[in-house]
Amino acid sequence: AMGDYTRVFNDFSMFPAGNNEGQVGSYWFHEDTQAYFDDLDHYKMIKAMCRLSCSICDARGAEAQGNEASKRKEKFRNIDQLKRHLFHRHKTFMCDLCLEGRK
């Protein structure tokens, strides 16, 4: 069920506690999920899936390809920071009721 490429670890002491985002030895640590990856592509995929982003800015960036400013994606540390951005930059908001139960 775990596949041919999945290694099973019984001793987690090889993974030091309190790591920051990024490469740790031959593994990559994703801080939001508190998970280690031995495959850089999988790490990047999970990191992209967990990233909080502004869909309005992302859409405008796609329309203005080639513009240096559009290539820089704004990073939001939490939902509240994203909500403030949406309100102040785009005069829109995310409803708390709609967000309830989402991750």
Foldseek 3Di string as FASTA:
>chain_A
DQDPPDDDDPDPVVPDPDDDAADDPQWGADVVVRDIHNDPVVVVVVCVVPFDFDVVLLVVLVVPPPPPVSVDTDGDPDPVSVQVCCCPVVVDGDDPVVCPPPD
